[in-house]
Amino acid sequence: DGYSRVRLPEVFAYRPAPVQVNWLAYPGTSGADY
């Protein structure tokens, strides 16, 4: 999803997985160090 209008990616800020990937729906950078 990324920064879609329906959800912010707070889940990823918790770092629930060792490797985290941005793909497909949001056409740009997350700007996030996580």
PDB file of all heavy atoms in Angstrom:
ATOM      1  N   ASP A   1       0.811  -1.223   0.000  1.00  0.00           N
ATOM      2  CA  ASP A   1       0.000   0.000   0.000  1.00  0.00           C
ATOM      3  C   ASP A   1       0.844   1.273   0.000  1.00  0.00           C
ATOM      4  O   ASP A   1       0.550   2.209  -0.730  1.00  0.00           O
ATOM      5  CB  ASP A   1      -0.928   0.042   1.218  1.00  0.00           C
ATOM      6  CG  ASP A   1      -2.030  -0.988   1.151  1.00  0.00           C
ATOM      7  OD1 ASP A   1      -2.211  -1.602   0.087  1.00  0.00           O
ATOM      8  OD2 ASP A   1      -2.697  -1.194   2.172  1.00  0.00           O
ATOM      9  N   GLY A   2       1.863   1.317   0.866  1.00  0.00           N
ATOM     10  CA  GLY A   2       2.626   2.552   1.001  1.00  0.00           C
ATOM     11  C   GLY A   2       1.741   3.677   1.481  1.00  0.00           C
ATOM     12  O   GLY A   2       0.825   3.481   2.282  1.00  0.00           O
ATOM     13  N   TYR A   3       1.982   4.869   0.957  1.00  0.00           N
ATOM     14  CA  TYR A   3       1.210   6.042   1.379  1.00  0.00           C
ATOM     15  C   TYR A   3      -0.057   6.191   0.550  1.00  0.00           C
ATOM     16  O   TYR A   3      -0.301   7.216  -0.083  1.00  0.00           O
ATOM     17  CB  TYR A   3       2.057   7.301   1.264  1.00  0.00           C
ATOM     18  CG  TYR A   3       3.266   7.316   2.160  1.00  0.00           C
ATOM     19  CD1 TYR A   3       4.551   7.411   1.640  1.00  0.00           C
ATOM     20  CD2 TYR A   3       3.127   7.241   3.543  1.00  0.00           C
ATOM     21  CE1 TYR A   3       5.662   7.436   2.462  1.00  0.00           C
ATOM     22  CE2 TYR A   3       4.228   7.256   4.373  1.00  0.00           C
ATOM     23  CZ  TYR A   3       5.496   7.350   3.831  1.00  0.00           C
ATOM     24  OH  TYR A   3       6.591   7.362   4.654  1.00  0.00           O
ATOM     25  N   SER A   4      -0.867   5.156   0.515  1.00  0.00           N
ATOM     26  CA  SER A   4      -2.137   5.265  -0.187  1.00  0.00           C
ATOM     27  C   SER A   4      -3.080   6.109   0.652  1.00  0.00           C
ATOM     28  O   SER A   4      -2.803   6.424   1.811  1.00  0.00           O
ATOM     29  CB  SER A   4      -2.736   3.877  -0.421  1.00  0.00           C
ATOM     30  OG  SER A   4      -3.084   3.280   0.806  1.00  0.00           O
ATOM     31  N   ARG A   5      -4.215   6.467   0.081  1.00  0.00           N
ATOM     32  CA  ARG A   5      -5.156   7.325   0.813  1.00  0.00           C
ATOM     33  C   ARG A   5      -5.981   6.545   1.832  1.00  0.00           C
ATOM     34  O   ARG A   5      -6.767   7.138   2.561  1.00  0.00           O
ATOM     35  CB  ARG A   5      -6.093   8.025  -0.169  1.00  0.00           C
ATOM     36  CG  ARG A   5      -5.390   9.000  -1.076  1.00  0.00           C
ATOM     37  CD  ARG A   5      -6.383   9.805  -1.892  1.00  0.00           C
ATOM     38  NE  ARG A   5      -7.247  10.614  -1.054  1.00  0.00           N
ATOM     39  CZ  ARG A   5      -6.897  11.775  -0.498  1.00  0.00           C
ATOM     40  NH1 ARG A   5      -5.689  12.258  -0.695  1.00  0.00           N
ATOM     41  NH2 ARG A   5      -7.746  12.456   0.248  1.00  0.00           N
ATOM     42  N   VAL A   6      -5.821   5.238   1.882  1.00  0.00           N
ATOM     43  CA  VAL A   6      -6.636   4.440   2.795  1.00  0.00           C
ATOM     44  C   VAL A   6      -5.871   3.968   4.013  1.00  0.00           C
ATOM     45  O   VAL A   6      -6.468   3.550   4.997  1.00  0.00           O
ATOM     46  CB  VAL A   6      -7.238   3.216   2.071  1.00  0.00           C
ATOM     47  CG1 VAL A   6      -8.242   3.663   1.030  1.00  0.00           C
ATOM     48  CG2 VAL A   6      -6.144   2.389   1.413  1.00  0.00           C
ATOM     49  N   ARG A   7      -4.558   4.016   3.971  1.00  0.00           N
ATOM     50  CA  ARG A   7      -3.801   3.489   5.103  1.00  0.00           C
ATOM     51  C   ARG A   7      -2.411   4.096   5.114  1.00  0.00           C
ATOM     52  O   ARG A   7      -1.773   4.255   4.087  1.00  0.00           O
ATOM     53  CB  ARG A   7      -3.674   1.958   4.996  1.00  0.00           C
ATOM     54  CG  ARG A   7      -2.991   1.326   6.202  1.00  0.00           C
ATOM     55  CD  ARG A   7      -2.897  -0.193   6.030  1.00  0.00           C
ATOM     56  NE  ARG A   7      -1.934  -0.571   5.021  1.00  0.00           N
ATOM     57  CZ  ARG A   7      -0.620  -0.659   5.237  1.00  0.00           C
ATOM     58  NH1 ARG A   7      -0.125  -0.392   6.423  1.00  0.00           N
ATOM     59  NH2 ARG A   7       0.198  -1.022   4.265  1.00  0.00           N
ATOM     60  N   LEU A   8      -1.944   4.448   6.306  1.00  0.00           N
ATOM     61  CA  LEU A   8      -0.547   4.837   6.478  1.00  0.00           C
ATOM     62  C   LEU A   8       0.231   3.609   6.949  1.00  0.00           C
ATOM     63  O   LEU A   8      -0.300   2.773   7.686  1.00  0.00           O
ATOM     64  CB  LEU A   8      -0.428   5.952   7.516  1.00  0.00           C
ATOM     65  CG  LEU A   8      -0.896   7.339   7.071  1.00  0.00           C
ATOM     66  CD1 LEU A   8      -0.794   8.318   8.231  1.00  0.00           C
ATOM     67  CD2 LEU A   8      -0.081   7.848   5.901  1.00  0.00           C
ATOM     68  N   PRO A   9       1.478   3.508   6.548  1.00  0.00           N
ATOM     69  CA  PRO A   9       2.234   2.277   6.855  1.00  0.00           C
ATOM     70  C   PRO A   9       2.845   2.272   8.254  1.00  0.00           C
ATOM     71  O   PRO A   9       4.022   2.006   8.436  1.00  0.00           O
ATOM     72  CB  PRO A   9       3.313   2.283   5.762  1.00  0.00           C
ATOM     73  CG  PRO A   9       3.539   3.725   5.475  1.00  0.00           C
ATOM     74  CD  PRO A   9       2.210   4.399   5.645  1.00  0.00           C
ATOM     75  N   GLU A  10       2.016   2.558   9.280  1.00  0.00           N
ATOM     76  CA  GLU A  10       2.545   2.539  10.643  1.00  0.00           C
ATOM     77  C   GLU A  10       3.087   1.170  11.034  1.00  0.00           C
ATOM     78  O   GLU A  10       4.026   1.074  11.828  1.00  0.00           O
ATOM     79  CB  GLU A  10       1.458   2.953  11.654  1.00  0.00           C
ATOM     80  CG  GLU A  10       0.942   4.356  11.498  1.00  0.00           C
ATOM     81  CD  GLU A  10      -0.339   4.407  10.705  1.00  0.00           C
ATOM     82  OE1 GLU A  10      -0.546   3.530   9.852  1.00  0.00           O
ATOM     83  OE2 GLU A  10      -1.126   5.330  10.925  1.00  0.00           O
ATOM     84  N   VAL A  11       2.455   0.121  10.499  1.00  0.00           N
ATOM     85  CA  VAL A  11       2.881  -1.243  10.844  1.00  0.00           C
ATOM     86  C   VAL A  11       4.384  -1.400  10.644  1.00  0.00           C
ATOM     87  O   VAL A  11       5.081  -1.980  11.487  1.00  0.00           O
ATOM     88  CB  VAL A  11       2.120  -2.269   9.978  1.00  0.00           C
ATOM     89  CG1 VAL A  11       2.761  -3.645  10.086  1.00  0.00           C
ATOM     90  CG2 VAL A  11       0.666  -2.347  10.402  1.00  0.00           C
ATOM     91  N   PHE A  12       4.897  -0.863   9.572  1.00  0.00           N
ATOM     92  CA  PHE A  12       6.306  -1.052   9.226  1.00  0.00           C
ATOM     93  C   PHE A  12       7.232  -0.259  10.133  1.00  0.00           C
ATOM     94  O   PHE A  12       8.386  -0.631  10.323  1.00  0.00           O
ATOM     95  CB  PHE A  12       6.527  -0.712   7.756  1.00  0.00           C
ATOM     96  CG  PHE A  12       5.915  -1.716   6.832  1.00  0.00           C
ATOM     97  CD1 PHE A  12       4.555  -1.691   6.552  1.00  0.00           C
ATOM     98  CD2 PHE A  12       6.679  -2.724   6.269  1.00  0.00           C
ATOM     99  CE1 PHE A  12       3.971  -2.637   5.731  1.00  0.00           C
ATOM    100  CE2 PHE A  12       6.107  -3.680   5.442  1.00  0.00           C
ATOM    101  CZ  PHE A  12       4.750  -3.642   5.179  1.00  0.00           C
ATOM    102  N   ALA A  13       6.728   0.832  10.714  1.00  0.00           N
ATOM    103  CA  ALA A  13       7.553   1.617  11.631  1.00  0.00           C
ATOM    104  C   ALA A  13       7.867   0.843  12.908  1.00  0.00           C
ATOM    105  O   ALA A  13       8.834   1.162  13.610  1.00  0.00           O
ATOM    106  CB  ALA A  13       6.859   2.933  11.969  1.00  0.00           C
ATOM    107  N   TYR A  14       7.071  -0.170  13.227  1.00  0.00           N
ATOM    108  CA  TYR A  14       7.351  -1.016  14.394  1.00  0.00           C
ATOM    109  C   TYR A  14       8.479  -2.017  14.120  1.00  0.00           C
ATOM    110  O   TYR A  14       8.936  -2.687  15.036  1.00  0.00           O
ATOM    111  CB  TYR A  14       6.086  -1.790  14.790  1.00  0.00           C
ATOM    112  CG  TYR A  14       5.034  -0.943  15.460  1.00  0.00           C
ATOM    113  CD1 TYR A  14       3.914  -0.528  14.771  1.00  0.00           C
ATOM    114  CD2 TYR A  14       5.170  -0.559  16.793  1.00  0.00           C
ATOM    115  CE1 TYR A  14       2.939   0.253  15.384  1.00  0.00           C
ATOM    116  CE2 TYR A  14       4.203   0.218  17.419  1.00  0.00           C
ATOM    117  CZ  TYR A  14       3.088   0.617  16.706  1.00  0.00           C
ATOM    118  OH  TYR A  14       2.136   1.384  17.316  1.00  0.00           O
ATOM    119  N   ARG A  15       8.882  -2.137  12.872  1.00  0.00           N
ATOM    120  CA  ARG A  15       9.933  -3.074  12.462  1.00  0.00           C
ATOM    121  C   ARG A  15       9.590  -4.508  12.844  1.00  0.00           C
ATOM    122  O   ARG A  15      10.369  -5.217  13.496  1.00  0.00           O
ATOM    123  CB  ARG A  15      11.250  -2.712  13.117  1.00  0.00           C
ATOM    124  CG  ARG A  15      12.302  -2.055  12.257  1.00  0.00           C
ATOM    125  CD  ARG A  15      12.722  -2.908  11.094  1.00  0.00           C
ATOM    126  NE  ARG A  15      13.686  -2.180  10.251  1.00  0.00           N
ATOM    127  CZ  ARG A  15      14.193  -2.634   9.137  1.00  0.00           C
ATOM    128  NH1 ARG A  15      13.835  -3.823   8.703  1.00  0.00           N
ATOM    129  NH2 ARG A  15      15.024  -1.922   8.433  1.00  0.00           N
ATOM    130  N   PRO A  16       8.432  -5.022  12.419  1.00  0.00           N
ATOM    131  CA  PRO A  16       8.062  -6.384  12.815  1.00  0.00           C
ATOM    132  C   PRO A  16       8.826  -7.472  12.069  1.00  0.00           C
ATOM    133  O   PRO A  16       8.731  -8.641  12.436  1.00  0.00           O
ATOM    134  CB  PRO A  16       6.569  -6.448  12.486  1.00  0.00           C
ATOM    135  CG  PRO A  16       6.396  -5.464  11.389  1.00  0.00           C
ATOM    136  CD  PRO A  16       7.363  -4.352  11.671  1.00  0.00           C
ATOM    137  N   ALA A  17       9.548  -7.117  11.016  1.00  0.00           N
ATOM    138  CA  ALA A  17      10.299  -8.113  10.246  1.00  0.00           C
ATOM    139  C   ALA A  17      11.723  -7.617  10.017  1.00  0.00           C
ATOM    140  O   ALA A  17      11.965  -6.418   9.931  1.00  0.00           O
ATOM    141  CB  ALA A  17       9.617  -8.376   8.902  1.00  0.00           C
ATOM    142  N   PRO A  18      12.692  -8.530   9.916  1.00  0.00           N
ATOM    143  CA  PRO A  18      14.084  -8.134   9.712  1.00  0.00           C
ATOM    144  C   PRO A  18      14.328  -7.393   8.405  1.00  0.00           C
ATOM    145  O   PRO A  18      15.197  -6.529   8.313  1.00  0.00           O
ATOM    146  CB  PRO A  18      14.845  -9.464   9.733  1.00  0.00           C
ATOM    147  CG  PRO A  18      13.947 -10.431  10.411  1.00  0.00           C
ATOM    148  CD  PRO A  18      12.553  -9.996  10.084  1.00  0.00           C
ATOM    149  N   VAL A  19      13.572  -7.750   7.351  1.00  0.00           N
ATOM    150  CA  VAL A  19      13.730  -7.109   6.043  1.00  0.00           C
ATOM    151  C   VAL A  19      12.357  -6.571   5.622  1.00  0.00           C
ATOM    152  O   VAL A  19      11.370  -7.320   5.632  1.00  0.00           O
ATOM    153  CB  VAL A  19      14.254  -8.092   4.979  1.00  0.00           C
ATOM    154  CG1 VAL A  19      14.373  -7.396   3.618  1.00  0.00           C
ATOM    155  CG2 VAL A  19      15.588  -8.674   5.398  1.00  0.00           C
ATOM    156  N   GLN A  20      12.303  -5.286   5.242  1.00  0.00           N
ATOM    157  CA  GLN A  20      11.024  -4.668   4.892  1.00  0.00           C
ATOM    158  C   GLN A  20      11.137  -4.003   3.514  1.00  0.00           C
ATOM    159  O   GLN A  20      12.104  -3.301   3.231  1.00  0.00           O
ATOM    160  CB  GLN A  20      10.587  -3.690   5.973  1.00  0.00           C
ATOM    161  CG  GLN A  20      10.457  -4.389   7.326  1.00  0.00           C
ATOM    162  CD  GLN A  20       9.736  -3.581   8.393  1.00  0.00           C
ATOM    163  OE1 GLN A  20       9.121  -4.169   9.289  1.00  0.00           O
ATOM    164  NE2 GLN A  20       9.802  -2.266   8.351  1.00  0.00           N
ATOM    165  N   VAL A  21      10.097  -4.231   2.701  1.00  0.00           N
ATOM    166  CA  VAL A  21      10.187  -3.905   1.276  1.00  0.00           C
ATOM    167  C   VAL A  21       8.982  -3.082   0.825  1.00  0.00           C
ATOM    168  O   VAL A  21       7.837  -3.370   1.187  1.00  0.00           O
ATOM    169  CB  VAL A  21      10.255  -5.208   0.439  1.00  0.00           C
ATOM    170  CG1 VAL A  21      10.380  -4.891  -1.051  1.00  0.00           C
ATOM    171  CG2 VAL A  21      11.407  -6.088   0.904  1.00  0.00           C
ATOM    172  N   ASN A  22       9.248  -2.081   0.002  1.00  0.00           N
ATOM    173  CA  ASN A  22       8.234  -1.234  -0.618  1.00  0.00           C
ATOM    174  C   ASN A  22       8.021  -1.729  -2.050  1.00  0.00           C
ATOM    175  O   ASN A  22       8.968  -1.780  -2.837  1.00  0.00           O
ATOM    176  CB  ASN A  22       8.758   0.222  -0.595  1.00  0.00           C
ATOM    177  CG  ASN A  22       7.877   1.192  -1.366  1.00  0.00           C
ATOM    178  OD1 ASN A  22       6.775   0.876  -1.786  1.00  0.00           O
ATOM    179  ND2 ASN A  22       8.389   2.409  -1.544  1.00  0.00           N
ATOM    180  N   TRP A  23       6.775  -2.076  -2.381  1.00  0.00           N
ATOM    181  CA  TRP A  23       6.524  -2.581  -3.739  1.00  0.00           C
ATOM    182  C   TRP A  23       5.078  -2.362  -4.186  1.00  0.00           C
ATOM    183  O   TRP A  23       4.151  -2.541  -3.402  1.00  0.00           O
ATOM    184  CB  TRP A  23       6.838  -4.087  -3.826  1.00  0.00           C
ATOM    185  CG  TRP A  23       6.547  -4.692  -5.176  1.00  0.00           C
ATOM    186  CD1 TRP A  23       7.048  -4.293  -6.379  1.00  0.00           C
ATOM    187  CD2 TRP A  23       5.646  -5.769  -5.460  1.00  0.00           C
ATOM    188  NE1 TRP A  23       6.535  -5.061  -7.400  1.00  0.00           N
ATOM    189  CE2 TRP A  23       5.673  -5.983  -6.867  1.00  0.00           C
ATOM    190  CE3 TRP A  23       4.836  -6.587  -4.671  1.00  0.00           C
ATOM    191  CZ2 TRP A  23       4.909  -6.964  -7.495  1.00  0.00           C
ATOM    192  CZ3 TRP A  23       4.071  -7.568  -5.294  1.00  0.00           C
ATOM    193  CH2 TRP A  23       4.112  -7.755  -6.686  1.00  0.00           C
ATOM    194  N   LEU A  24       4.932  -1.955  -5.390  1.00  0.00           N
ATOM    195  CA  LEU A  24       3.737  -2.033  -6.223  1.00  0.00           C
ATOM    196  C   LEU A  24       2.771  -0.858  -6.133  1.00  0.00           C
ATOM    197  O   LEU A  24       2.673  -0.086  -7.087  1.00  0.00           O
ATOM    198  CB  LEU A  24       2.963  -3.337  -5.989  1.00  0.00           C
ATOM    199  CG  LEU A  24       1.906  -3.650  -7.056  1.00  0.00           C
ATOM    200  CD1 LEU A  24       2.538  -3.784  -8.431  1.00  0.00           C
ATOM    201  CD2 LEU A  24       1.144  -4.920  -6.715  1.00  0.00           C
ATOM    202  N   ALA A  25       2.021  -0.685  -5.031  1.00  0.00           N
ATOM    203  CA  ALA A  25       0.896   0.242  -5.075  1.00  0.00           C
ATOM    204  C   ALA A  25       1.312   1.704  -4.981  1.00  0.00           C
ATOM    205  O   ALA A  25       0.709   2.561  -5.628  1.00  0.00           O
ATOM    206  CB  ALA A  25      -0.098  -0.080  -3.965  1.00  0.00           C
ATOM    207  N   TYR A  26       2.338   1.998  -4.168  1.00  0.00           N
ATOM    208  CA  TYR A  26       2.736   3.398  -4.017  1.00  0.00           C
ATOM    209  C   TYR A  26       3.940   3.691  -4.911  1.00  0.00           C
ATOM    210  O   TYR A  26       5.028   3.145  -4.682  1.00  0.00           O
ATOM    211  CB  TYR A  26       3.073   3.728  -2.556  1.00  0.00           C
ATOM    212  CG  TYR A  26       3.484   5.172  -2.395  1.00  0.00           C
ATOM    213  CD1 TYR A  26       2.537   6.180  -2.511  1.00  0.00           C
ATOM    214  CD2 TYR A  26       4.810   5.531  -2.194  1.00  0.00           C
ATOM    215  CE1 TYR A  26       2.901   7.514  -2.408  1.00  0.00           C
ATOM    216  CE2 TYR A  26       5.182   6.853  -2.090  1.00  0.00           C
ATOM    217  CZ  TYR A  26       4.220   7.843  -2.203  1.00  0.00           C
ATOM    218  OH  TYR A  26       4.588   9.162  -2.117  1.00  0.00           O
ATOM    219  N   PRO A  27       3.790   4.527  -5.926  1.00  0.00           N
ATOM    220  CA  PRO A  27       4.861   4.747  -6.905  1.00  0.00           C
ATOM    221  C   PRO A  27       5.851   5.821  -6.470  1.00  0.00           C
ATOM    222  O   PRO A  27       5.964   6.884  -7.079  1.00  0.00           O
ATOM    223  CB  PRO A  27       4.086   5.174  -8.153  1.00  0.00           C
ATOM    224  CG  PRO A  27       2.906   5.927  -7.597  1.00  0.00           C
ATOM    225  CD  PRO A  27       2.549   5.214  -6.312  1.00  0.00           C
ATOM    226  N   GLY A  28       6.579   5.524  -5.430  1.00  0.00           N
ATOM    227  CA  GLY A  28       7.567   6.472  -4.937  1.00  0.00           C
ATOM    228  C   GLY A  28       8.270   5.921  -3.720  1.00  0.00           C
ATOM    229  O   GLY A  28       7.983   4.814  -3.257  1.00  0.00           O
ATOM    230  N   THR A  29       9.185   6.715  -3.176  1.00  0.00           N
ATOM    231  CA  THR A  29       9.920   6.284  -2.002  1.00  0.00           C
ATOM    232  C   THR A  29       9.083   6.415  -0.736  1.00  0.00           C
ATOM    233  O   THR A  29       8.224   7.294  -0.631  1.00  0.00           O
ATOM    234  CB  THR A  29      11.213   7.101  -1.841  1.00  0.00           C
ATOM    235  OG1 THR A  29      11.930   6.618  -0.703  1.00  0.00           O
ATOM    236  CG2 THR A  29      10.927   8.590  -1.653  1.00  0.00           C
ATOM    237  N   SER A  30       9.344   5.545   0.226  1.00  0.00           N
ATOM    238  CA  SER A  30       8.697   5.670   1.534  1.00  0.00           C
ATOM    239  C   SER A  30       9.360   6.764   2.361  1.00  0.00           C
ATOM    240  O   SER A  30       8.766   7.284   3.300  1.00  0.00           O
ATOM    241  CB  SER A  30       8.786   4.342   2.293  1.00  0.00           C
ATOM    242  OG  SER A  30      10.147   4.062   2.622  1.00  0.00           O
ATOM    243  N   GLY A  31      10.620   7.089   2.027  1.00  0.00           N
ATOM    244  CA  GLY A  31      11.355   8.079   2.816  1.00  0.00           C
ATOM    245  C   GLY A  31      11.685   7.602   4.206  1.00  0.00           C
ATOM    246  O   GLY A  31      12.080   8.393   5.059  1.00  0.00           O
ATOM    247  N   ALA A  32      11.569   6.295   4.463  1.00  0.00           N
ATOM    248  CA  ALA A  32      11.666   5.758   5.817  1.00  0.00           C
ATOM    249  C   ALA A  32      12.936   4.939   6.007  1.00  0.00           C
ATOM    250  O   ALA A  32      13.278   4.116   5.150  1.00  0.00           O
ATOM    251  CB  ALA A  32      10.442   4.885   6.120  1.00  0.00           C
ATOM    252  N   ASP A  33      13.578   5.130   7.138  1.00  0.00           N
ATOM    253  CA  ASP A  33      14.765   4.325   7.430  1.00  0.00           C
ATOM    254  C   ASP A  33      14.404   2.912   7.869  1.00  0.00           C
ATOM    255  O   ASP A  33      15.278   2.065   8.007  1.00  0.00           O
ATOM    256  CB  ASP A  33      15.648   5.018   8.472  1.00  0.00           C
ATOM    257  CG  ASP A  33      14.935   5.260   9.793  1.00  0.00           C
ATOM    258  OD1 ASP A  33      13.791   4.785   9.969  1.00  0.00           O
ATOM    259  OD2 ASP A  33      15.515   5.945  10.666  1.00  0.00           O
ATOM    260  N   TYR A  34      13.117   2.661   8.091  1.00  0.00           N
ATOM    261  CA  TYR A  34      12.686   1.310   8.463  1.00  0.00           C
ATOM    262  C   TYR A  34      12.251   0.491   7.240  1.00  0.00           C
ATOM    263  O   TYR A  34      11.801  -0.631   7.383  1.00  0.00           O
ATOM    264  CB  TYR A  34      11.550   1.351   9.498  1.00  0.00           C
ATOM    265  CG  TYR A  34      10.432   2.320   9.195  1.00  0.00           C
ATOM    266  CD1 TYR A  34       9.419   1.992   8.301  1.00  0.00           C
ATOM    267  CD2 TYR A  34      10.376   3.567   9.825  1.00  0.00           C
ATOM    268  CE1 TYR A  34       8.396   2.868   8.024  1.00  0.00           C
ATOM    269  CE2 TYR A  34       9.354   4.461   9.557  1.00  0.00           C
ATOM    270  CZ  TYR A  34       8.369   4.105   8.662  1.00  0.00           C
ATOM    271  OH  TYR A  34       7.354   4.992   8.388  1.00  0.00           O
TER     272      TYR A  34
END
